[in-house]
């Protein structure tokens, strides 16, 4: 799996901003969500595995332009690039341990995989805010919309609202497609802590939840949970990949 382009620049604060938050910096790396269903609707091979060499990174480069900037039809996005990344992302992976108390003390049973690890299933919890989605304040509001009064500054509300609805719809998609092909869901993730493009493949363990609150009339808080079945590249290999990148960087620096 290729490193994020210009990773050195990213670590040098070009991509992630001057110590700021990557979900708000204009040069940030957007978090991307998709499913086999959406990629197939965009004209990709319906039997293609989302993971593998290149993975979604190839799709992002080769297919977004071909489907009209990422759209499929009826406002559905093949690849959902977040306009505002979630505020909080929690990785949780408990241990497979069972405790049994006896007269002589406690016994711990560790249930391991084929590598001898007792790690349970990885889950990722997302919590965020839509940003301003009040279409009445967006100058790009369609005149045919129920919110057609054009006033205020261009807030990008229409785009953020469409992306949020696509994300909500994505978490509700069926697990089986029409021809009984399993619908796989994929997230492309990168951050300062994980400065590699990793692919999380799995299923949504909860539909997107959100709160309508008078305290935040123009934005909505939301949360959702994802169960990870596969990570590409494997988490165990990230340290090795980072080390290889560091060696390559030092070599290049020595030559220059």
Protein backbone atom coordinates (compact mmCIF):
# COMPACT_ATOMS: atom_id res chain seq x y z
CA UNK A 1 0.00 0.00 0.00
CA UNK A 2 1.46 3.31 -1.04
CA UNK A 3 2.20 6.00 1.48
CA UNK A 4 0.18 9.19 1.34
CA UNK A 5 1.67 11.45 -1.35
CA UNK A 6 4.16 13.93 0.12
CA UNK A 7 4.14 12.21 3.48
CA UNK A 8 7.25 14.13 4.41
CA UNK A 9 5.41 17.36 3.75
CA UNK A 10 2.47 16.07 5.77
CA UNK A 11 4.68 15.44 8.77
CA UNK A 12 6.19 18.87 8.12
CA UNK A 13 2.75 20.41 8.69
CA UNK A 14 1.96 21.21 5.05
CA UNK A 15 -0.99 18.83 4.79
CA UNK A 16 -2.10 18.83 8.40
CA UNK A 17 -1.76 22.57 8.93
CA UNK A 18 0.25 24.51 11.49
CA UNK A 19 -0.52 22.23 14.39
CA UNK A 20 -4.20 22.49 13.63
CA UNK A 21 -6.91 19.88 13.11
CA UNK A 22 -6.74 17.89 9.87
CA UNK A 23 -10.53 17.94 9.48
CA UNK A 24 -10.55 21.74 9.19
CA UNK A 25 -7.35 22.50 7.27
CA UNK A 26 -8.02 23.24 3.58
CA UNK A 27 -5.15 20.96 2.57
CA UNK A 28 -6.22 18.10 4.80
CA UNK A 29 -6.60 14.54 3.57
CA UNK A 30 -10.35 13.87 3.49
CA UNK A 31 -11.69 10.71 5.01
CA UNK A 32 -13.45 8.66 2.34
CA UNK A 33 -16.33 6.19 2.61
CA UNK A 34 -17.78 3.87 0.01
CA UNK A 35 -19.39 0.49 -0.59
CA UNK A 36 -19.27 -2.19 -3.24
CA UNK A 37 -22.81 -1.22 -4.21
CA UNK A 38 -21.83 2.38 -4.90
CA UNK A 39 -18.67 1.50 -6.79
CA UNK A 40 -20.63 -0.95 -8.90
CA UNK A 41 -23.23 1.71 -9.68
CA UNK A 42 -20.35 3.91 -10.81
CA UNK A 43 -19.44 1.34 -13.46
CA UNK A 44 -16.76 -0.67 -11.67
CA UNK A 45 -16.46 -4.45 -11.88
CA UNK A 46 -19.31 -5.72 -9.63
CA UNK A 47 -17.21 -8.68 -8.46
CA UNK A 48 -14.09 -6.64 -7.71
CA UNK A 49 -12.78 -6.84 -4.18
CA UNK A 50 -12.52 -3.41 -2.62
CA UNK A 51 -9.24 -4.32 -0.95
CA UNK A 52 -6.07 -5.46 -2.64
CA UNK A 53 -3.31 -3.71 -4.53
CA UNK A 54 -4.10 -0.02 -4.69
CA UNK A 55 -7.57 -0.52 -3.20
CA UNK A 56 -9.79 2.53 -3.09
CA UNK A 57 -6.82 4.81 -3.74
CA UNK A 58 -6.90 3.64 -7.36
CA UNK A 59 -10.65 4.19 -7.57
CA UNK A 60 -10.28 7.71 -6.23
CA UNK A 61 -7.76 8.57 -8.93
CA UNK A 62 -9.37 6.77 -11.88
CA UNK A 63 -13.10 6.79 -11.36
CA UNK A 64 -14.22 9.99 -9.64
CA UNK A 65 -13.88 12.01 -12.83
CA UNK A 66 -15.60 9.31 -14.85
CA UNK A 67 -18.73 9.45 -12.71
CA UNK A 68 -19.21 13.18 -12.77
CA UNK A 69 -17.19 14.30 -9.77
CA UNK A 70 -18.05 11.30 -7.68
CA UNK A 71 -21.78 11.15 -8.33
CA UNK A 72 -23.71 8.12 -9.56
CA UNK A 73 -27.28 9.33 -10.08
CA UNK A 74 -29.98 11.07 -8.12
CA UNK A 75 -27.43 12.78 -5.87
CA UNK A 76 -25.83 9.48 -4.77
CA UNK A 77 -22.05 9.70 -4.37
CA UNK A 78 -19.92 6.71 -5.33
CA UNK A 79 -17.15 7.87 -3.01
CA UNK A 80 -18.08 10.06 -0.06
CA UNK A 81 -15.29 12.50 0.74
CA UNK A 82 -16.15 14.20 4.01
CA UNK A 83 -16.48 17.96 3.78
CA UNK A 84 -15.86 18.04 7.53
CA UNK A 85 -14.13 15.01 9.03
CA UNK A 86 -15.57 13.62 12.30
CA UNK A 87 -14.43 15.43 15.44
CA UNK A 88 -13.71 12.25 17.36
CA UNK A 89 -12.73 8.78 16.14
CA UNK A 90 -12.26 6.01 18.69
CA UNK A 91 -10.52 2.73 17.88
CA UNK A 92 -11.60 -0.03 20.28
CA UNK A 93 -10.25 -3.57 20.33
CA UNK A 94 -10.84 -5.55 23.53
CA UNK A 95 -9.01 -8.73 24.50
CA UNK A 96 -10.62 -12.16 24.31
CA UNK A 97 -10.27 -13.07 27.96
CA UNK A 98 -12.59 -15.05 30.22
CA UNK A 99 -12.07 -15.01 33.98
CA UNK A 100 -13.06 -17.98 36.12
CA UNK A 101 -12.90 -17.79 39.92
CA UNK A 102 -12.04 -20.98 41.79
CA UNK A 103 -11.35 -21.85 45.42
CA UNK A 104 -7.64 -21.58 44.71
CA UNK A 105 -7.84 -18.22 42.95
CA UNK A 106 -8.68 -16.82 39.53
CA UNK A 107 -7.94 -18.42 36.17
CA UNK A 108 -7.76 -16.37 32.97
CA UNK A 109 -8.49 -18.05 29.65
CA UNK A 110 -7.03 -16.31 26.59
CA UNK A 111 -8.70 -17.19 23.28
CA UNK A 112 -6.13 -16.61 20.55
CA UNK A 113 -6.04 -16.48 16.77
CA UNK A 114 -3.62 -18.31 14.48
CA UNK A 115 -0.87 -15.82 15.42
CA UNK A 116 -1.29 -16.42 19.14
CA UNK A 117 -2.95 -13.01 19.68
CA UNK A 118 -5.98 -12.69 21.92
CA UNK A 119 -7.21 -9.51 20.22
CA UNK A 120 -10.94 -9.28 19.64
CA UNK A 121 -12.72 -7.56 16.73
CA UNK A 122 -11.69 -3.95 16.03
CA UNK A 123 -14.48 -1.38 16.08
CA UNK A 124 -14.29 2.29 15.14
CA UNK A 125 -16.68 4.85 16.61
CA UNK A 126 -17.20 8.16 14.81
CA UNK A 127 -18.59 11.31 16.40
CA UNK A 128 -18.83 14.59 14.59
CA UNK A 129 -20.78 17.65 13.57
CA UNK A 130 -22.09 18.46 10.12
CA UNK A 131 -20.99 22.07 10.13
CA UNK A 132 -23.45 24.68 8.88
CA UNK A 133 -26.09 22.87 6.77
CA UNK A 134 -28.67 25.69 6.68
CA UNK A 135 -29.31 25.94 2.94
CA UNK A 136 -31.01 29.32 3.37
CA UNK A 137 -27.65 30.93 4.01
CA UNK A 138 -25.86 29.36 1.04
CA UNK A 139 -25.59 31.52 -2.07
CA UNK A 140 -25.38 28.35 -4.15
CA UNK A 141 -28.89 27.34 -3.13
CA UNK A 142 -30.88 25.97 -6.06
CA UNK A 143 -33.69 28.38 -6.88
CA UNK A 144 -36.03 25.40 -7.11
CA UNK A 145 -35.35 24.41 -3.53
CA UNK A 146 -37.75 24.99 -0.66
CA UNK A 147 -34.89 27.03 0.83
CA UNK A 148 -34.57 29.36 -2.15
CA UNK A 149 -33.99 32.65 -0.35
CA UNK A 150 -30.45 33.52 -1.28
CA UNK A 151 -28.86 35.59 1.44
CA UNK A 152 -25.72 35.66 3.49
CA UNK A 153 -22.33 34.24 2.56
CA UNK A 154 -21.52 31.03 0.71
CA UNK A 155 -21.33 28.52 3.57
CA UNK A 156 -21.15 25.38 1.45
CA UNK A 157 -24.26 24.20 3.27
CA UNK A 158 -25.74 22.41 0.27
CA UNK A 159 -22.62 20.35 -0.29
CA UNK A 160 -22.24 19.45 3.39
CA UNK A 161 -25.92 18.53 3.65
CA UNK A 162 -25.72 16.29 0.56
CA UNK A 163 -22.58 14.56 1.85
CA UNK A 164 -24.15 14.01 5.27
CA UNK A 165 -27.27 12.47 3.74
CA UNK A 166 -25.10 10.22 1.59
CA UNK A 167 -23.27 9.09 4.71
CA UNK A 168 -26.54 8.43 6.50
CA UNK A 169 -27.79 6.42 3.53
CA UNK A 170 -24.50 4.50 3.33
CA UNK A 171 -24.88 3.23 6.91
CA UNK A 172 -28.37 1.94 6.03
CA UNK A 173 -27.43 0.01 2.88
CA UNK A 174 -28.36 -3.64 2.49
CA UNK A 175 -25.75 -6.31 3.17
CA UNK A 176 -26.67 -8.32 0.07
CA UNK A 177 -26.97 -6.87 -3.42
CA UNK A 178 -29.55 -7.94 -5.99
CA UNK A 179 -27.45 -10.85 -7.28
CA UNK A 180 -26.54 -12.05 -3.76
CA UNK A 181 -23.09 -10.48 -3.85
CA UNK A 182 -22.12 -9.36 -0.35
CA UNK A 183 -22.04 -5.60 -0.05
CA UNK A 184 -18.71 -4.60 1.45
CA UNK A 185 -18.09 -1.23 3.05
CA UNK A 186 -14.74 0.51 3.01
CA UNK A 187 -13.20 3.50 4.73
CA UNK A 188 -9.94 5.12 3.64
CA UNK A 189 -8.35 6.60 6.75
CA UNK A 190 -5.26 8.66 7.49
CA UNK A 191 -4.24 10.96 10.32
CA UNK A 192 -1.21 12.38 12.07
CA UNK A 193 -1.04 9.24 14.23
CA UNK A 194 -1.51 6.93 11.23
CA UNK A 195 0.23 8.81 8.38
CA UNK A 196 -0.52 6.04 5.90
CA UNK A 197 -3.56 5.43 3.78
CA UNK A 198 -5.11 2.43 5.49
CA UNK A 199 -8.22 0.68 4.24
CA UNK A 200 -10.81 -0.44 6.78
CA UNK A 201 -13.16 -3.07 5.37
CA UNK A 202 -16.20 -4.31 7.26
CA UNK A 203 -19.78 -3.39 8.03
CA UNK A 204 -21.69 -0.72 9.88
CA UNK A 205 -22.68 -1.93 13.33
CA UNK A 206 -25.08 0.98 13.80
CA UNK A 207 -26.95 3.34 11.52
CA UNK A 208 -25.84 6.97 11.74
CA UNK A 209 -27.45 8.59 14.77
CA UNK A 210 -28.03 12.33 15.05
CA UNK A 211 -29.61 14.85 17.37
CA UNK A 212 -31.99 17.65 16.42
CA UNK A 213 -31.28 20.36 18.96
CA UNK A 214 -32.44 23.97 19.26
CA UNK A 215 -29.04 24.75 20.74
CA UNK A 216 -27.47 24.03 17.33
CA UNK A 217 -30.11 25.15 14.80
CA UNK A 218 -27.77 25.16 11.78
CA UNK A 219 -25.74 22.01 12.43
CA UNK A 220 -26.27 18.49 13.72
CA UNK A 221 -24.17 16.24 15.94
CA UNK A 222 -23.97 12.66 14.71
CA UNK A 223 -22.34 9.34 15.57
CA UNK A 224 -21.93 5.93 13.95
CA UNK A 225 -20.02 2.70 14.56
CA UNK A 226 -18.07 0.50 12.16
CA UNK A 227 -16.98 -3.12 12.71
CA UNK A 228 -13.64 -3.80 11.01
CA UNK A 229 -13.19 -7.19 9.39
CA UNK A 230 -9.95 -6.44 7.56
CA UNK A 231 -7.27 -3.73 7.58
CA UNK A 232 -5.00 -3.09 4.58
CA UNK A 233 -2.10 -2.87 5.17
CA UNK A 234 -2.34 -4.87 8.41
CA UNK A 235 -1.88 -2.81 11.56
CA UNK A 236 1.07 -5.01 12.53
CA UNK A 237 2.92 -3.84 9.41
CA UNK A 238 2.49 -0.09 9.94
CA UNK A 239 5.60 0.20 12.13
CA UNK A 240 7.67 -1.55 9.45
CA UNK A 241 6.28 0.71 6.71
CA UNK A 242 6.99 3.84 8.73
CA UNK A 243 10.52 2.64 9.41
CA UNK A 244 11.09 1.97 5.70
CA UNK A 245 9.84 5.44 4.89
CA UNK A 246 12.16 6.98 7.50
CA UNK A 247 15.14 5.16 6.00
CA UNK A 248 14.19 6.28 2.48
CA UNK A 249 13.83 9.86 3.70
CA UNK A 250 17.23 9.84 5.37
CA UNK A 251 18.83 8.39 2.24
CA UNK A 252 17.22 11.03 0.03
CA UNK A 253 18.27 13.78 2.42
CA UNK A 254 21.84 12.50 2.31
CA UNK A 255 21.86 12.66 -1.47
CA UNK A 256 20.60 16.21 -1.53
